[in-house]
Amino acid sequence: PRPYRGALSGSAAAVRLRDRVREGRLDEVCVDAVLHAGGHRSRRPHPRPCGLTPREVEVLCLVARGVSNKEIATMLGISGKTARNHVERAYAKIGATNRIGASMFALKHGLVTSL
């Protein structure tokens, strides 16, 4: 049987998770995703990594929220082809090959503020 461990407060749990990342025991991207889901902010702010344009960052955030290219086009008032071009250029700049990879990049770099 496992020994009893008392529950931690949200902030204490966040500190413990970040400590585990520093120790190399947990994956940083996964911990950031868990903390983000729990309402904690990312500690790695960088407004536009990899030379992304402001529009590419905007589109990447929408991709991370599960928005389709067609929906992105409607939301931003652009054509579907333009939306697809923004997504493809963002993928090329960040080295992603699909929406999951792009979403993980957005989480890792603190681009997604709320899901």
PDB file of N, CA and C in Angstrom:
ATOM      1  N   PRO A   1       0.828  -1.194   0.000  1.00  0.00           N
ATOM      2  CA  PRO A   1       0.000   0.000   0.000  1.00  0.00           C
ATOM      3  C   PRO A   1       0.874   1.260   0.000  1.00  0.00           C
ATOM      4  N   ARG A   2       0.330   2.290  -0.646  1.00  0.00           N
ATOM      5  CA  ARG A   2       1.036   3.565  -0.687  1.00  0.00           C
ATOM      6  C   ARG A   2       0.816   4.329   0.613  1.00  0.00           C
ATOM      7  N   PRO A   3       1.835   5.037   1.072  1.00  0.00           N
ATOM      8  CA  PRO A   3       1.664   5.823   2.291  1.00  0.00           C
ATOM      9  C   PRO A   3       0.720   7.000   2.044  1.00  0.00           C
ATOM     10  N   TYR A   4       0.053   7.416   3.078  1.00  0.00           N
ATOM     11  CA  TYR A   4      -0.878   8.537   2.984  1.00  0.00           C
ATOM     12  C   TYR A   4      -0.106   9.833   2.782  1.00  0.00           C
ATOM     13  N   ARG A   5      -0.579  10.632   1.846  1.00  0.00           N
ATOM     14  CA  ARG A   5      -0.029  11.970   1.646  1.00  0.00           C
ATOM     15  C   ARG A   5      -1.185  12.947   1.664  1.00  0.00           C
ATOM     16  N   GLY A   6      -1.062  13.976   2.437  1.00  0.00           N
ATOM     17  CA  GLY A   6      -2.101  14.991   2.516  1.00  0.00           C
ATOM     18  C   GLY A   6      -2.245  15.743   1.205  1.00  0.00           C
ATOM     19  N   ALA A   7      -3.427  16.274   0.966  1.00  0.00           N
ATOM     20  CA  ALA A   7      -3.684  17.050  -0.247  1.00  0.00           C
ATOM     21  C   ALA A   7      -2.928  18.372  -0.190  1.00  0.00           C
ATOM     22  N   LEU A   8      -2.498  18.839  -1.346  1.00  0.00           N
ATOM     23  CA  LEU A   8      -1.801  20.118  -1.445  1.00  0.00           C
ATOM     24  C   LEU A   8      -2.759  21.183  -1.956  1.00  0.00           C
ATOM     25  N   SER A   9      -2.484  22.420  -1.594  1.00  0.00           N
ATOM     26  CA  SER A   9      -3.249  23.523  -2.179  1.00  0.00           C
ATOM     27  C   SER A   9      -2.855  23.635  -3.650  1.00  0.00           C
ATOM     28  N   GLY A  10      -3.627  24.361  -4.421  1.00  0.00           N
ATOM     29  CA  GLY A  10      -3.328  24.518  -5.847  1.00  0.00           C
ATOM     30  C   GLY A  10      -1.961  25.119  -6.089  1.00  0.00           C
ATOM     31  N   SER A  11      -1.608  26.148  -5.336  1.00  0.00           N
ATOM     32  CA  SER A  11      -0.308  26.788  -5.543  1.00  0.00           C
ATOM     33  C   SER A  11       0.838  25.882  -5.092  1.00  0.00           C
ATOM     34  N   ALA A  12       0.641  25.137  -4.015  1.00  0.00           N
ATOM     35  CA  ALA A  12       1.684  24.209  -3.559  1.00  0.00           C
ATOM     36  C   ALA A  12       1.874  23.075  -4.565  1.00  0.00           C
ATOM     37  N   ALA A  13       0.777  22.604  -5.144  1.00  0.00           N
ATOM     38  CA  ALA A  13       0.870  21.555  -6.165  1.00  0.00           C
ATOM     39  C   ALA A  13       1.598  22.080  -7.398  1.00  0.00           C
ATOM     40  N   ALA A  14       1.327  23.332  -7.772  1.00  0.00           N
ATOM     41  CA  ALA A  14       2.003  23.933  -8.925  1.00  0.00           C
ATOM     42  C   ALA A  14       3.503  24.025  -8.677  1.00  0.00           C
ATOM     43  N   VAL A  15       3.880  24.435  -7.478  1.00  0.00           N
ATOM     44  CA  VAL A  15       5.303  24.515  -7.126  1.00  0.00           C
ATOM     45  C   VAL A  15       5.938  23.131  -7.205  1.00  0.00           C
ATOM     46  N   ARG A  16       5.249  22.130  -6.680  1.00  0.00           N
ATOM     47  CA  ARG A  16       5.786  20.763  -6.704  1.00  0.00           C
ATOM     48  C   ARG A  16       5.963  20.276  -8.149  1.00  0.00           C
ATOM     49  N   LEU A  17       4.973  20.526  -8.998  1.00  0.00           N
ATOM     50  CA  LEU A  17       5.079  20.103 -10.399  1.00  0.00           C
ATOM     51  C   LEU A  17       6.251  20.797 -11.088  1.00  0.00           C
ATOM     52  N   ARG A  18       6.404  22.098 -10.862  1.00  0.00           N
ATOM     53  CA  ARG A  18       7.519  22.824 -11.488  1.00  0.00           C
ATOM     54  C   ARG A  18       8.866  22.315 -10.969  1.00  0.00           C
ATOM     55  N   ASP A  19       8.914  21.956  -9.690  1.00  0.00           N
ATOM     56  CA  ASP A  19      10.140  21.365  -9.143  1.00  0.00           C
ATOM     57  C   ASP A  19      10.464  20.049  -9.847  1.00  0.00           C
ATOM     58  N   ARG A  20       9.451  19.237 -10.092  1.00  0.00           N
ATOM     59  CA  ARG A  20       9.655  17.951 -10.771  1.00  0.00           C
ATOM     60  C   ARG A  20      10.169  18.162 -12.202  1.00  0.00           C
ATOM     61  N   VAL A  21       9.712  19.232 -12.855  1.00  0.00           N
ATOM     62  CA  VAL A  21      10.213  19.557 -14.199  1.00  0.00           C
ATOM     63  C   VAL A  21      11.693  19.911 -14.105  1.00  0.00           C
ATOM     64  N   ARG A  22      12.065  20.768 -13.156  1.00  0.00           N
ATOM     65  CA  ARG A  22      13.470  21.158 -12.987  1.00  0.00           C
ATOM     66  C   ARG A  22      14.362  19.951 -12.694  1.00  0.00           C
ATOM     67  N   GLU A  23      13.810  18.984 -11.971  1.00  0.00           N
ATOM     68  CA  GLU A  23      14.559  17.761 -11.657  1.00  0.00           C
ATOM     69  C   GLU A  23      14.640  16.817 -12.855  1.00  0.00           C
ATOM     70  N   GLY A  24      13.875  17.098 -13.898  1.00  0.00           N
ATOM     71  CA  GLY A  24      13.863  16.241 -15.075  1.00  0.00           C
ATOM     72  C   GLY A  24      12.955  15.036 -14.940  1.00  0.00           C
ATOM     73  N   ARG A  25      12.072  15.046 -13.955  1.00  0.00           N
ATOM     74  CA  ARG A  25      11.190  13.903 -13.712  1.00  0.00           C
ATOM     75  C   ARG A  25       9.871  14.003 -14.463  1.00  0.00           C
ATOM     76  N   LEU A  26       9.498  15.214 -14.884  1.00  0.00           N
ATOM     77  CA  LEU A  26       8.254  15.415 -15.629  1.00  0.00           C
ATOM     78  C   LEU A  26       8.524  16.257 -16.862  1.00  0.00           C
ATOM     79  N   ASP A  27       7.690  16.090 -17.870  1.00  0.00           N
ATOM     80  CA  ASP A  27       7.811  16.831 -19.118  1.00  0.00           C
ATOM     81  C   ASP A  27       7.257  18.243 -18.944  1.00  0.00           C
ATOM     82  N   GLU A  28       8.035  19.233 -19.350  1.00  0.00           N
ATOM     83  CA  GLU A  28       7.663  20.639 -19.169  1.00  0.00           C
ATOM     84  C   GLU A  28       6.394  21.019 -19.914  1.00  0.00           C
ATOM     85  N   VAL A  29       6.252  20.570 -21.144  1.00  0.00           N
ATOM     86  CA  VAL A  29       5.067  20.916 -21.937  1.00  0.00           C
ATOM     87  C   VAL A  29       3.811  20.348 -21.289  1.00  0.00           C
ATOM     88  N   CYS A  30       3.884  19.109 -20.844  1.00  0.00           N
ATOM     89  CA  CYS A  30       2.717  18.482 -20.208  1.00  0.00           C
ATOM     90  C   CYS A  30       2.359  19.168 -18.897  1.00  0.00           C
ATOM     91  N   VAL A  31       3.359  19.491 -18.096  1.00  0.00           N
ATOM     92  CA  VAL A  31       3.094  20.180 -16.828  1.00  0.00           C
ATOM     93  C   VAL A  31       2.484  21.550 -17.095  1.00  0.00           C
ATOM     94  N   ASP A  32       3.016  22.278 -18.076  1.00  0.00           N
ATOM     95  CA  ASP A  32       2.435  23.582 -18.414  1.00  0.00           C
ATOM     96  C   ASP A  32       0.976  23.439 -18.833  1.00  0.00           C
ATOM     97  N   ALA A  33       0.669  22.396 -19.596  1.00  0.00           N
ATOM     98  CA  ALA A  33      -0.718  22.183 -20.026  1.00  0.00           C
ATOM     99  C   ALA A  33      -1.622  21.915 -18.823  1.00  0.00           C
ATOM    100  N   VAL A  34      -1.150  21.104 -17.887  1.00  0.00           N
ATOM    101  CA  VAL A  34      -1.934  20.805 -16.680  1.00  0.00           C
ATOM    102  C   VAL A  34      -2.121  22.067 -15.847  1.00  0.00           C
ATOM    103  N   LEU A  35      -1.043  22.815 -15.654  1.00  0.00           N
ATOM    104  CA  LEU A  35      -1.141  24.039 -14.856  1.00  0.00           C
ATOM    105  C   LEU A  35      -2.039  25.067 -15.529  1.00  0.00           C
ATOM    106  N   HIS A  36      -1.928  25.159 -16.850  1.00  0.00           N
ATOM    107  CA  HIS A  36      -2.783  26.089 -17.586  1.00  0.00           C
ATOM    108  C   HIS A  36      -4.252  25.711 -17.415  1.00  0.00           C
ATOM    109  N   ALA A  37      -4.541  24.430 -17.500  1.00  0.00           N
ATOM    110  CA  ALA A  37      -5.921  23.957 -17.323  1.00  0.00           C
ATOM    111  C   ALA A  37      -6.425  24.264 -15.917  1.00  0.00           C
ATOM    112  N   GLY A  38      -5.504  24.321 -14.950  1.00  0.00           N
ATOM    113  CA  GLY A  38      -5.869  24.633 -13.572  1.00  0.00           C
ATOM    114  C   GLY A  38      -5.879  26.121 -13.266  1.00  0.00           C
ATOM    115  N   GLY A  39      -5.678  26.938 -14.288  1.00  0.00           N
ATOM    116  CA  GLY A  39      -5.754  28.385 -14.101  1.00  0.00           C
ATOM    117  C   GLY A  39      -4.441  29.067 -13.764  1.00  0.00           C
ATOM    118  N   HIS A  40      -3.323  28.360 -13.887  1.00  0.00           N
ATOM    119  CA  HIS A  40      -2.018  28.961 -13.612  1.00  0.00           C
ATOM    120  C   HIS A  40      -1.422  29.486 -14.910  1.00  0.00           C
ATOM    121  N   ARG A  41      -0.712  30.601 -14.821  1.00  0.00           N
ATOM    122  CA  ARG A  41      -0.094  31.193 -16.008  1.00  0.00           C
ATOM    123  C   ARG A  41       1.241  30.517 -16.319  1.00  0.00           C
ATOM    124  N   SER A  42       1.588  30.523 -17.591  1.00  0.00           N
ATOM    125  CA  SER A  42       2.869  29.973 -18.016  1.00  0.00           C
ATOM    126  C   SER A  42       3.980  30.903 -17.547  1.00  0.00           C
ATOM    127  N   ARG A  43       5.108  30.340 -17.206  1.00  0.00           N
ATOM    128  CA  ARG A  43       6.248  31.151 -16.771  1.00  0.00           C
ATOM    129  C   ARG A  43       7.194  31.462 -17.918  1.00  0.00           C
ATOM    130  N   ARG A  44       6.813  31.112 -19.128  1.00  0.00           N
ATOM    131  CA  ARG A  44       7.698  31.323 -20.264  1.00  0.00           C
ATOM    132  C   ARG A  44       7.056  32.229 -21.303  1.00  0.00           C
ATOM    133  N   PRO A  45       6.824  33.482 -20.953  1.00  0.00           N
ATOM    134  CA  PRO A  45       6.183  34.334 -21.940  1.00  0.00           C
ATOM    135  C   PRO A  45       7.151  34.751 -23.046  1.00  0.00           C
ATOM    136  N   HIS A  46       6.750  34.612 -24.245  1.00  0.00           N
ATOM    137  CA  HIS A  46       7.479  35.132 -25.394  1.00  0.00           C
ATOM    138  C   HIS A  46       6.423  35.453 -26.428  1.00  0.00           C
ATOM    139  N   PRO A  47       6.202  36.733 -26.683  1.00  0.00           N
ATOM    140  CA  PRO A  47       5.056  37.109 -27.498  1.00  0.00           C
ATOM    141  C   PRO A  47       5.042  36.533 -28.915  1.00  0.00           C
ATOM    142  N   ARG A  48       6.219  36.459 -29.562  1.00  0.00           N
ATOM    143  CA  ARG A  48       6.235  35.970 -30.942  1.00  0.00           C
ATOM    144  C   ARG A  48       7.492  35.148 -31.209  1.00  0.00           C
ATOM    145  N   PRO A  49       7.506  33.900 -30.776  1.00  0.00           N
ATOM    146  CA  PRO A  49       8.680  33.060 -31.019  1.00  0.00           C
ATOM    147  C   PRO A  49       8.798  32.659 -32.488  1.00  0.00           C
ATOM    148  N   CYS A  50       9.986  32.293 -32.889  1.00  0.00           N
ATOM    149  CA  CYS A  50      10.268  31.752 -34.235  1.00  0.00           C
ATOM    150  C   CYS A  50       9.930  32.722 -35.360  1.00  0.00           C
ATOM    151  N   GLY A  51       9.872  33.999 -35.075  1.00  0.00           N
ATOM    152  CA  GLY A  51       9.587  34.970 -36.121  1.00  0.00           C
ATOM    153  C   GLY A  51       8.154  34.966 -36.611  1.00  0.00           C
ATOM    154  N   LEU A  52       7.238  34.455 -35.808  1.00  0.00           N
ATOM    155  CA  LEU A  52       5.825  34.449 -36.197  1.00  0.00           C
ATOM    156  C   LEU A  52       5.295  35.878 -36.270  1.00  0.00           C
ATOM    157  N   THR A  53       4.463  36.137 -37.254  1.00  0.00           N
ATOM    158  CA  THR A  53       3.807  37.438 -37.349  1.00  0.00           C
ATOM    159  C   THR A  53       2.670  37.488 -36.331  1.00  0.00           C
ATOM    160  N   PRO A  54       2.191  38.683 -36.000  1.00  0.00           N
ATOM    161  CA  PRO A  54       1.048  38.760 -35.082  1.00  0.00           C
ATOM    162  C   PRO A  54      -0.158  37.958 -35.582  1.00  0.00           C
ATOM    163  N   ARG A  55      -0.412  37.970 -36.887  1.00  0.00           N
ATOM    164  CA  ARG A  55      -1.546  37.226 -37.439  1.00  0.00           C
ATOM    165  C   ARG A  55      -1.315  35.727 -37.301  1.00  0.00           C
ATOM    166  N   GLU A  56      -0.077  35.263 -37.524  1.00  0.00           N
ATOM    167  CA  GLU A  56       0.222  33.839 -37.370  1.00  0.00           C
ATOM    168  C   GLU A  56       0.055  33.396 -35.915  1.00  0.00           C
ATOM    169  N   VAL A  57       0.429  34.258 -34.977  1.00  0.00           N
ATOM    170  CA  VAL A  57       0.214  33.947 -33.559  1.00  0.00           C
ATOM    171  C   VAL A  57      -1.279  33.840 -33.282  1.00  0.00           C
ATOM    172  N   GLU A  58      -2.054  34.783 -33.820  1.00  0.00           N
ATOM    173  CA  GLU A  58      -3.510  34.766 -33.639  1.00  0.00           C
ATOM    174  C   GLU A  58      -4.111  33.478 -34.195  1.00  0.00           C
ATOM    175  N   VAL A  59      -3.689  33.108 -35.390  1.00  0.00           N
ATOM    176  CA  VAL A  59      -4.191  31.893 -36.034  1.00  0.00           C
ATOM    177  C   VAL A  59      -3.747  30.652 -35.258  1.00  0.00           C
ATOM    178  N   LEU A  60      -2.510  30.633 -34.798  1.00  0.00           N
ATOM    179  CA  LEU A  60      -1.997  29.500 -34.030  1.00  0.00           C
ATOM    180  C   LEU A  60      -2.786  29.310 -32.733  1.00  0.00           C
ATOM    181  N   CYS A  61      -3.158  30.405 -32.094  1.00  0.00           N
ATOM    182  CA  CYS A  61      -3.980  30.315 -30.877  1.00  0.00           C
ATOM    183  C   CYS A  61      -5.344  29.709 -31.191  1.00  0.00           C
ATOM    184  N   LEU A  62      -5.911  30.079 -32.322  1.00  0.00           N
ATOM    185  CA  LEU A  62      -7.204  29.516 -32.718  1.00  0.00           C
ATOM    186  C   LEU A  62      -7.070  28.029 -33.042  1.00  0.00           C
ATOM    187  N   VAL A  63      -5.994  27.666 -33.712  1.00  0.00           N
ATOM    188  CA  VAL A  63      -5.737  26.249 -34.006  1.00  0.00           C
ATOM    189  C   VAL A  63      -5.649  25.464 -32.698  1.00  0.00           C
ATOM    190  N   ALA A  64      -4.947  26.022 -31.711  1.00  0.00           N
ATOM    191  CA  ALA A  64      -4.788  25.343 -30.418  1.00  0.00           C
ATOM    192  C   ALA A  64      -6.123  25.174 -29.699  1.00  0.00           C
ATOM    193  N   ARG A  65      -7.075  26.031 -29.993  1.00  0.00           N
ATOM    194  CA  ARG A  65      -8.405  25.923 -29.379  1.00  0.00           C
ATOM    195  C   ARG A  65      -9.322  24.992 -30.164  1.00  0.00           C
ATOM    196  N   GLY A  66      -8.798  24.403 -31.243  1.00  0.00           N
ATOM    197  CA  GLY A  66      -9.580  23.437 -32.005  1.00  0.00           C
ATOM    198  C   GLY A  66     -10.434  24.038 -33.099  1.00  0.00           C
ATOM    199  N   VAL A  67     -10.145  25.276 -33.480  1.00  0.00           N
ATOM    200  CA  VAL A  67     -10.928  25.951 -34.514  1.00  0.00           C
ATOM    201  C   VAL A  67     -10.439  25.496 -35.892  1.00  0.00           C
ATOM    202  N   SER A  68     -11.362  25.177 -36.790  1.00  0.00           N
ATOM    203  CA  SER A  68     -11.003  24.727 -38.141  1.00  0.00           C
ATOM    204  C   SER A  68     -10.556  25.917 -38.993  1.00  0.00           C
ATOM    205  N   ASN A  69      -9.894  25.626 -40.116  1.00  0.00           N
ATOM    206  CA  ASN A  69      -9.472  26.695 -41.025  1.00  0.00           C
ATOM    207  C   ASN A  69     -10.664  27.510 -41.517  1.00  0.00           C
ATOM    208  N   LYS A  70     -11.755  26.834 -41.826  1.00  0.00           N
ATOM    209  CA  LYS A  70     -12.953  27.533 -42.302  1.00  0.00           C
ATOM    210  C   LYS A  70     -13.493  28.474 -41.224  1.00  0.00           C
ATOM    211  N   GLU A  71     -13.513  27.994 -39.979  1.00  0.00           N
ATOM    212  CA  GLU A  71     -13.984  28.831 -38.870  1.00  0.00           C
ATOM    213  C   GLU A  71     -13.028  29.992 -38.614  1.00  0.00           C
ATOM    214  N   ILE A  72     -11.723  29.740 -38.757  1.00  0.00           N
ATOM    215  CA  ILE A  72     -10.729  30.809 -38.604  1.00  0.00           C
ATOM    216  C   ILE A  72     -10.995  31.897 -39.632  1.00  0.00           C
ATOM    217  N   ALA A  73     -11.238  31.488 -40.872  1.00  0.00           N
ATOM    218  CA  ALA A  73     -11.511  32.453 -41.938  1.00  0.00           C
ATOM    219  C   ALA A  73     -12.724  33.315 -41.598  1.00  0.00           C
ATOM    220  N   THR A  74     -13.784  32.687 -41.143  1.00  0.00           N
ATOM    221  CA  THR A  74     -15.001  33.425 -40.790  1.00  0.00           C
ATOM    222  C   THR A  74     -14.740  34.371 -39.625  1.00  0.00           C
ATOM    223  N   MET A  75     -14.063  33.889 -38.594  1.00  0.00           N
ATOM    224  CA  MET A  75     -13.798  34.704 -37.402  1.00  0.00           C
ATOM    225  C   MET A  75     -12.930  35.918 -37.712  1.00  0.00           C
ATOM    226  N   LEU A  76     -11.962  35.750 -38.612  1.00  0.00           N
ATOM    227  CA  LEU A  76     -11.020  36.826 -38.906  1.00  0.00           C
ATOM    228  C   LEU A  76     -11.415  37.645 -40.131  1.00  0.00           C
ATOM    229  N   GLY A  77     -12.478  37.253 -40.803  1.00  0.00           N
ATOM    230  CA  GLY A  77     -12.931  37.989 -41.979  1.00  0.00           C
ATOM    231  C   GLY A  77     -11.975  37.886 -43.155  1.00  0.00           C
ATOM    232  N   ILE A  78     -11.402  36.699 -43.329  1.00  0.00           N
ATOM    233  CA  ILE A  78     -10.480  36.457 -44.437  1.00  0.00           C
ATOM    234  C   ILE A  78     -10.976  35.246 -45.217  1.00  0.00           C
ATOM    235  N   SER A  79     -10.388  35.014 -46.377  1.00  0.00           N
ATOM    236  CA  SER A  79     -10.807  33.858 -47.173  1.00  0.00           C
ATOM    237  C   SER A  79     -10.256  32.570 -46.564  1.00  0.00           C
ATOM    238  N   GLY A  80     -10.860  31.459 -46.941  1.00  0.00           N
ATOM    239  CA  GLY A  80     -10.393  30.158 -46.476  1.00  0.00           C
ATOM    240  C   GLY A  80      -8.966  29.880 -46.908  1.00  0.00           C
ATOM    241  N   LYS A  81      -8.623  30.293 -48.129  1.00  0.00           N
ATOM    242  CA  LYS A  81      -7.268  30.088 -48.642  1.00  0.00           C
ATOM    243  C   LYS A  81      -6.253  30.893 -47.833  1.00  0.00           C
ATOM    244  N   THR A  82      -6.610  32.122 -47.482  1.00  0.00           N
ATOM    245  CA  THR A  82      -5.713  32.948 -46.670  1.00  0.00           C
ATOM    246  C   THR A  82      -5.523  32.335 -45.288  1.00  0.00           C
ATOM    247  N   ALA A  83      -6.601  31.842 -44.702  1.00  0.00           N
ATOM    248  CA  ALA A  83      -6.501  31.183 -43.394  1.00  0.00           C
ATOM    249  C   ALA A  83      -5.578  29.976 -43.489  1.00  0.00           C
ATOM    250  N   ARG A  84      -5.763  29.170 -44.532  1.00  0.00           N
ATOM    251  CA  ARG A  84      -4.917  27.988 -44.721  1.00  0.00           C
ATOM    252  C   ARG A  84      -3.449  28.405 -44.890  1.00  0.00           C
ATOM    253  N   ASN A  85      -3.209  29.484 -45.646  1.00  0.00           N
ATOM    254  CA  ASN A  85      -1.838  29.966 -45.836  1.00  0.00           C
ATOM    255  C   ASN A  85      -1.204  30.387 -44.510  1.00  0.00           C
ATOM    256  N   HIS A  86      -1.958  31.095 -43.674  1.00  0.00           N
ATOM    257  CA  HIS A  86      -1.440  31.504 -42.363  1.00  0.00           C
ATOM    258  C   HIS A  86      -1.086  30.275 -41.527  1.00  0.00           C
ATOM    259  N   VAL A  87      -1.963  29.278 -41.532  1.00  0.00           N
ATOM    260  CA  VAL A  87      -1.717  28.052 -40.761  1.00  0.00           C
ATOM    261  C   VAL A  87      -0.463  27.352 -41.286  1.00  0.00           C
ATOM    262  N   GLU A  88      -0.355  27.201 -42.599  1.00  0.00           N
ATOM    263  CA  GLU A  88       0.793  26.505 -43.189  1.00  0.00           C
ATOM    264  C   GLU A  88       2.098  27.241 -42.925  1.00  0.00           C
ATOM    265  N   ARG A  89       2.084  28.574 -43.004  1.00  0.00           N
ATOM    266  CA  ARG A  89       3.306  29.345 -42.735  1.00  0.00           C
ATOM    267  C   ARG A  89       3.710  29.226 -41.271  1.00  0.00           C
ATOM    268  N   ALA A  90       2.717  29.244 -40.387  1.00  0.00           N
ATOM    269  CA  ALA A  90       3.012  29.076 -38.958  1.00  0.00           C
ATOM    270  C   ALA A  90       3.617  27.693 -38.713  1.00  0.00           C
ATOM    271  N   TYR A  91       3.032  26.658 -39.313  1.00  0.00           N
ATOM    272  CA  TYR A  91       3.575  25.299 -39.178  1.00  0.00           C
ATOM    273  C   TYR A  91       5.042  25.268 -39.614  1.00  0.00           C
ATOM    274  N   ALA A  92       5.332  25.876 -40.766  1.00  0.00           N
ATOM    275  CA  ALA A  92       6.693  25.858 -41.301  1.00  0.00           C
ATOM    276  C   ALA A  92       7.666  26.554 -40.349  1.00  0.00           C
ATOM    277  N   LYS A  93       7.250  27.673 -39.780  1.00  0.00           N
ATOM    278  CA  LYS A  93       8.140  28.426 -38.895  1.00  0.00           C
ATOM    279  C   LYS A  93       8.405  27.704 -37.581  1.00  0.00           C
ATOM    280  N   ILE A  94       7.416  26.988 -37.069  1.00  0.00           N
ATOM    281  CA  ILE A  94       7.581  26.335 -35.764  1.00  0.00           C
ATOM    282  C   ILE A  94       7.984  24.869 -35.884  1.00  0.00           C
ATOM    283  N   GLY A  95       8.007  24.350 -37.104  1.00  0.00           N
ATOM    284  CA  GLY A  95       8.405  22.961 -37.316  1.00  0.00           C
ATOM    285  C   GLY A  95       7.317  21.951 -37.002  1.00  0.00           C
ATOM    286  N   ALA A  96       6.064  22.389 -37.043  1.00  0.00           N
ATOM    287  CA  ALA A  96       4.939  21.485 -36.775  1.00  0.00           C
ATOM    288  C   ALA A  96       4.467  20.849 -38.078  1.00  0.00           C
ATOM    289  N   THR A  97       3.924  19.650 -37.967  1.00  0.00           N
ATOM    290  CA  THR A  97       3.390  18.974 -39.151  1.00  0.00           C
ATOM    291  C   THR A  97       1.886  18.751 -39.053  1.00  0.00           C
ATOM    292  N   ASN A  98       1.317  19.071 -37.886  1.00  0.00           N
ATOM    293  CA  ASN A  98      -0.128  18.887 -37.717  1.00  0.00           C
ATOM    294  C   ASN A  98      -0.647  19.809 -36.613  1.00  0.00           C
ATOM    295  N   ARG A  99      -1.957  19.786 -36.411  1.00  0.00           N
ATOM    296  CA  ARG A  99      -2.593  20.683 -35.447  1.00  0.00           C
ATOM    297  C   ARG A  99      -2.200  20.351 -34.003  1.00  0.00           C
ATOM    298  N   ILE A 100      -1.968  19.089 -33.724  1.00  0.00           N
ATOM    299  CA  ILE A 100      -1.565  18.716 -32.366  1.00  0.00           C
ATOM    300  C   ILE A 100      -0.187  19.289 -32.052  1.00  0.00           C
ATOM    301  N   GLY A 101       0.739  19.138 -32.981  1.00  0.00           N
ATOM    302  CA  GLY A 101       2.076  19.695 -32.780  1.00  0.00           C
ATOM    303  C   GLY A 101       2.043  21.207 -32.633  1.00  0.00           C
ATOM    304  N   ALA A 102       1.213  21.859 -33.441  1.00  0.00           N
ATOM    305  CA  ALA A 102       1.073  23.311 -33.355  1.00  0.00           C
ATOM    306  C   ALA A 102       0.470  23.719 -32.011  1.00  0.00           C
ATOM    307  N   SER A 103      -0.497  22.940 -31.540  1.00  0.00           N
ATOM    308  CA  SER A 103      -1.128  23.230 -30.248  1.00  0.00           C
ATOM    309  C   SER A 103      -0.135  23.075 -29.105  1.00  0.00           C
ATOM    310  N   MET A 104       0.675  22.031 -29.160  1.00  0.00           N
ATOM    311  CA  MET A 104       1.687  21.824 -28.120  1.00  0.00           C
ATOM    312  C   MET A 104       2.708  22.961 -28.132  1.00  0.00           C
ATOM    313  N   PHE A 105       3.082  23.422 -29.315  1.00  0.00           N
ATOM    314  CA  PHE A 105       4.003  24.554 -29.423  1.00  0.00           C
ATOM    315  C   PHE A 105       3.388  25.793 -28.782  1.00  0.00           C
ATOM    316  N   ALA A 106       2.113  26.051 -29.086  1.00  0.00           N
ATOM    317  CA  ALA A 106       1.431  27.224 -28.536  1.00  0.00           C
ATOM    318  C   ALA A 106       1.390  27.162 -27.012  1.00  0.00           C
ATOM    319  N   LEU A 107       1.119  25.988 -26.459  1.00  0.00           N
ATOM    320  CA  LEU A 107       1.114  25.825 -25.001  1.00  0.00           C
ATOM    321  C   LEU A 107       2.510  26.020 -24.420  1.00  0.00           C
ATOM    322  N   LYS A 108       3.485  25.396 -25.048  1.00  0.00           N
ATOM    323  CA  LYS A 108       4.859  25.458 -24.553  1.00  0.00           C
ATOM    324  C   LYS A 108       5.386  26.887 -24.520  1.00  0.00           C
ATOM    325  N   HIS A 109       4.982  27.691 -25.483  1.00  0.00           N
ATOM    326  CA  HIS A 109       5.496  29.053 -25.586  1.00  0.00           C
ATOM    327  C   HIS A 109       4.555  30.104 -25.000  1.00  0.00           C
ATOM    328  N   GLY A 110       3.545  29.656 -24.284  1.00  0.00           N
ATOM    329  CA  GLY A 110       2.659  30.598 -23.603  1.00  0.00           C
ATOM    330  C   GLY A 110       1.808  31.448 -24.519  1.00  0.00           C
ATOM    331  N   LEU A 111       1.543  30.966 -25.732  1.00  0.00           N
ATOM    332  CA  LEU A 111       0.740  31.740 -26.682  1.00  0.00           C
ATOM    333  C   LEU A 111      -0.748  31.621 -26.406  1.00  0.00           C
ATOM    334  N   VAL A 112      -1.157  30.519 -25.823  1.00  0.00           N
ATOM    335  CA  VAL A 112      -2.576  30.282 -25.559  1.00  0.00           C
ATOM    336  C   VAL A 112      -2.891  30.816 -24.168  1.00  0.00           C
ATOM    337  N   THR A 113      -3.808  31.775 -24.108  1.00  0.00           N
ATOM    338  CA  THR A 113      -4.140  32.382 -22.817  1.00  0.00           C
ATOM    339  C   THR A 113      -5.325  31.706 -22.158  1.00  0.00           C
ATOM    340  N   SER A 114      -6.227  31.135 -22.945  1.00  0.00           N
ATOM    341  CA  SER A 114      -7.364  30.398 -22.377  1.00  0.00           C
ATOM    342  C   SER A 114      -7.881  29.425 -23.419  1.00  0.00           C
ATOM    343  N   LEU A 115      -8.315  28.268 -22.949  1.00  0.00           N
ATOM    344  CA  LEU A 115      -8.855  27.250 -23.862  1.00  0.00           C
ATOM    345  C   LEU A 115     -10.339  27.155 -23.711  1.00  0.00           C
TER     346      LEU A 115
END
